[in-house]
Protein backbone atom coordinates (compact mmCIF):
# COMPACT_ATOMS: atom_id res chain seq x y z
CA MET A 1 65.74 206.65 89.95
CA GLU A 2 64.58 206.91 93.52
CA ASP A 3 66.90 205.35 96.08
CA GLU A 4 64.39 202.66 97.09
CA VAL A 5 64.09 201.28 93.56
CA ARG A 6 66.01 198.01 93.35
CA LEU A 7 68.14 197.65 90.23
CA ILE A 8 67.45 194.56 88.16
CA PRO A 9 70.48 192.61 86.91
CA LEU A 10 70.34 192.11 83.15
CA SER A 11 70.80 188.38 83.65
CA ALA A 12 67.58 188.29 85.69
CA LEU A 13 65.56 189.05 82.55
CA GLN A 14 66.94 185.98 80.83
CA HIS A 15 66.32 183.88 83.94
CA TYR A 16 62.76 185.20 84.26
CA LEU A 17 61.77 184.41 80.69
CA TYR A 18 63.24 180.92 81.03
CA CYS A 19 61.52 180.34 84.40
CA PRO A 20 60.21 182.90 86.94
CA ARG A 21 60.90 180.50 89.81
CA GLN A 22 64.52 180.08 88.69
CA CYS A 23 64.83 183.87 88.57
CA ALA A 24 63.52 184.19 92.12
CA LEU A 25 65.74 181.42 93.48
CA ILE A 26 68.84 183.07 92.01
CA HIS A 27 68.12 186.75 92.57
CA LEU A 28 65.82 186.80 95.61
CA GLU A 29 67.00 183.75 97.57
CA GLN A 30 70.64 183.96 96.37
CA GLN A 31 70.79 180.26 95.48
CA TRP A 32 73.14 178.91 92.87
CA ALA A 33 74.48 175.54 91.77
CA GLU A 34 76.59 174.56 88.81
CA ASN A 35 76.08 171.73 86.35
CA ARG A 36 77.62 170.87 82.98
CA TYR A 37 75.62 173.53 81.16
CA THR A 38 76.49 176.38 83.54
CA ALA A 39 80.16 175.28 83.61
CA GLU A 40 80.33 175.39 79.81
CA GLY A 41 78.79 178.86 79.84
CA ARG A 42 81.23 180.08 82.47
CA ILE A 43 84.24 178.84 80.49
CA LEU A 44 82.90 180.47 77.31
CA HIS A 45 82.60 183.82 79.13
CA GLU A 46 86.13 183.80 80.56
CA ARG A 47 87.73 185.70 77.67
CA ALA A 48 84.90 188.20 77.21
CA ASP A 49 84.63 188.86 80.94
CA ARG A 50 88.17 190.24 81.14
CA LEU A 51 87.94 194.02 81.15
CA GLY A 52 89.79 195.45 78.19
CA HIS A 53 89.76 197.12 74.79
CA GLU A 54 90.89 196.15 71.31
CA ARG A 55 90.99 198.05 68.04
CA ARG A 56 91.22 196.22 64.72
CA ARG A 57 90.49 197.49 61.24
CA GLY A 58 88.35 200.36 62.38
CA VAL A 59 86.36 198.38 64.97
CA HIS A 60 86.85 199.30 68.63
CA THR A 61 85.90 196.39 70.90
CA ALA A 62 85.14 196.91 74.61
CA MET A 63 84.99 193.81 76.80
CA ALA A 64 83.19 193.45 80.13
CA LEU A 65 81.61 196.88 79.71
CA PRO A 66 79.47 198.00 82.69
CA LEU A 67 75.92 198.97 81.72
CA ALA A 68 73.07 200.76 83.48
CA SER A 69 69.69 202.24 82.68
CA GLU A 70 68.13 204.81 84.99
CA ARG A 71 64.88 204.73 83.03
CA TRP A 72 64.33 200.98 83.37
CA GLY A 73 66.29 200.34 86.56
CA LEU A 74 68.74 197.90 84.98
CA THR A 75 72.37 197.14 85.70
CA GLY A 76 74.86 194.61 84.42
CA ILE A 77 77.85 193.93 82.21
CA ALA A 78 77.98 193.42 78.46
CA ASP A 79 80.32 190.63 77.36
CA VAL A 80 81.43 192.62 74.33
CA VAL A 81 80.37 195.90 72.74
CA GLU A 82 81.68 196.76 69.29
CA PHE A 83 82.02 200.33 68.07
CA ASP A 84 82.30 200.10 64.30
CA GLU A 85 83.96 203.34 63.21
CA ARG A 86 84.31 202.50 59.51
CA GLU A 87 81.22 204.49 58.53
CA ALA A 88 80.49 208.20 58.94
CA GLN A 89 78.40 207.41 62.00
CA THR A 90 79.72 204.90 64.54
CA ILE A 91 77.63 201.73 64.74
CA VAL A 92 77.26 200.30 68.26
CA ARG A 93 76.66 196.57 68.54
CA PRO A 94 76.39 194.49 71.76
CA ILE A 95 77.64 190.89 71.54
CA GLU A 96 76.61 188.27 74.10
CA TYR A 97 78.37 184.91 74.49
CA LYS A 98 76.21 181.84 75.13
CA ARG A 99 76.91 178.13 75.40
CA GLY A 100 75.22 175.57 73.17
CA ARG A 101 73.10 176.50 70.19
CA PRO A 102 70.40 179.09 69.43
CA LYS A 103 67.34 178.43 71.59
CA ALA A 104 63.68 177.98 70.71
CA HIS A 105 62.74 180.56 73.36
CA ARG A 106 63.82 184.22 73.21
CA ALA A 107 65.45 184.60 76.63
CA ASP A 108 68.93 185.21 75.18
CA GLU A 109 67.56 187.78 72.74
CA VAL A 110 65.71 189.62 75.51
CA GLN A 111 68.88 189.90 77.59
CA LEU A 112 70.75 191.24 74.57
CA CYS A 113 67.99 193.73 73.73
CA ALA A 114 68.05 194.99 77.33
CA GLN A 115 71.78 195.62 76.91
CA ALA A 116 70.94 197.68 73.82
CA LEU A 117 68.39 199.71 75.82
CA CYS A 118 71.10 200.52 78.36
CA LEU A 119 73.60 201.51 75.68
CA GLU A 120 71.04 203.68 73.88
CA GLU A 121 70.40 205.59 77.10
CA MET A 122 74.07 205.82 78.08
CA LEU A 123 75.36 206.92 74.66
CA ASN A 124 72.29 208.66 73.26
CA VAL A 125 72.34 206.49 70.13
CA GLU A 126 70.00 204.14 68.29
CA ILE A 127 71.08 200.52 68.06
CA GLU A 128 69.51 198.43 65.35
CA HIS A 129 71.34 195.10 65.70
CA GLY A 130 73.32 192.99 68.12
CA ALA A 131 74.61 189.43 68.00
CA LEU A 132 74.65 186.22 70.03
CA PHE A 133 77.76 184.07 69.78
CA TYR A 134 77.03 180.40 70.55
CA GLY A 135 79.81 178.09 71.67
CA LYS A 136 78.47 175.04 69.83
CA THR A 137 78.16 176.63 66.41
CA ARG A 138 81.09 179.05 66.90
CA ARG A 139 79.14 181.58 64.89
CA ARG A 140 77.31 184.80 65.54
CA LYS A 141 73.56 184.97 65.24
CA ASP A 142 72.43 188.42 64.16
CA VAL A 143 69.65 189.84 66.35
CA PRO A 144 67.65 192.80 64.99
CA PHE A 145 66.13 194.94 67.71
CA ASP A 146 62.75 195.26 66.02
CA LYS A 147 59.47 196.41 67.55
CA THR A 148 58.43 192.87 68.52
CA LEU A 149 61.63 192.10 70.44
CA ARG A 150 61.67 195.54 72.09
CA ALA A 151 58.05 195.11 73.22
CA LEU A 152 58.78 191.64 74.60
CA THR A 153 61.86 192.95 76.43
CA LEU A 154 59.90 195.77 78.05
CA ASP A 155 57.17 193.31 79.11
CA VAL A 156 59.80 191.07 80.72
CA ILE A 157 61.36 194.06 82.50
CA VAL A 158 57.96 195.00 83.96
CA SER A 159 57.24 191.39 85.00
CA THR A 160 60.68 190.95 86.56
CA ARG A 161 60.27 194.25 88.40
CA ALA A 162 56.95 192.97 89.82
CA LEU A 163 58.67 189.74 90.94
CA PHE A 164 61.40 191.73 92.71
CA ASP A 165 58.90 194.12 94.32
CA ASN A 166 56.71 191.23 95.49
CA ASN A 167 59.81 189.50 96.89
CA ARG A 168 58.15 186.07 96.76
CA THR A 169 59.31 182.94 94.96
CA PRO A 170 56.67 181.53 92.58
CA PRO A 171 55.48 177.95 93.15
CA ALA A 172 57.16 175.08 91.33
CA VAL A 173 55.72 173.72 88.09
CA TYR A 174 57.58 170.72 86.67
CA GLU A 175 58.33 170.70 82.95
CA ALA A 176 60.82 167.98 82.06
CA LYS A 177 62.41 169.70 79.04
CA ARG A 178 63.11 172.83 81.05
CA CYS A 179 63.61 171.58 84.60
CA ASP A 180 65.90 168.61 83.92
CA ARG A 181 68.52 170.95 82.41
CA CYS A 182 68.36 173.46 85.27
CA SER A 183 71.27 173.50 87.73
CA LEU A 184 68.85 174.45 90.52
CA ILE A 185 66.61 171.40 90.17
CA ASP A 186 67.73 170.04 93.57
CA ALA A 187 67.02 173.34 95.33
CA CYS A 188 63.77 173.84 93.44
CA GLN A 189 62.48 170.23 93.65
CA PRO A 190 59.76 170.91 91.05
CA GLN A 191 58.41 167.34 90.95
CA ILE A 192 57.94 167.18 94.74
CA MET A 193 56.80 170.76 95.23
CA GLY A 194 54.47 170.56 92.27
CA LYS A 195 52.77 167.46 93.67
CA GLN A 196 52.45 169.07 97.10
CA ARG A 197 50.82 172.10 95.50
CA SER A 198 48.37 169.89 93.58
CA ALA A 199 47.55 167.98 96.76
CA SER A 200 46.97 171.22 98.65
CA ARG A 201 44.58 172.46 95.96
CA TRP A 202 42.72 169.11 96.03
CA LEU A 203 42.40 169.25 99.82
CA ALA A 204 41.16 172.84 99.69
CA ARG A 205 38.47 171.86 97.18
CA GLN A 206 37.36 168.97 99.35
CA LEU A 207 37.09 171.20 102.42
CA GLN A 208 35.16 173.76 100.42
CA SER A 209 32.68 171.14 99.24
CA LEU A 210 32.08 170.04 102.84
CA ASP A 211 31.23 173.63 103.83
CA GLU A 212 28.67 174.02 101.02
């Protein structure tokens, strides 16, 4: 990668797919606030985020493993990467810890798939599956890295790269189901900013009609 290319944190992909404005507030404006949901996620990550290794029954587990991709300009840390050595060929499997339950959107899966892309480049292997461990269910959800998920992940990487290169925070759009759970709702102010944007568009249309 050329020196001027800015590396994208793996977490930014998840933030972007959830909300581009949230992604920009966190990664461009360096804003952060914690609420119940982020606190639960932080506590869940505490064990996995301790750098270390374990080996049990032929499975080598690496925790807090640094990742990078020169091809895609990504950097980050995998919560857990398992190296299953029980078969003739070692199976590599990234595991990501998340609070709550499996989501309707695919942001968590995209972040996990991006970890797999990094590992494939770093280790020169093919990774077919990973897993998401959710704190509410206390179970793993198997995630196959199929063509659809890989294509979505690459699209999100390109879109996030464009956001970083543009270096501008997108305007606010209020969606109750998404915004009311966001820890940055006070910094974002989507209800107020969204109304101001609508008013600005209305005023611009009125001025345009006067000029016609």
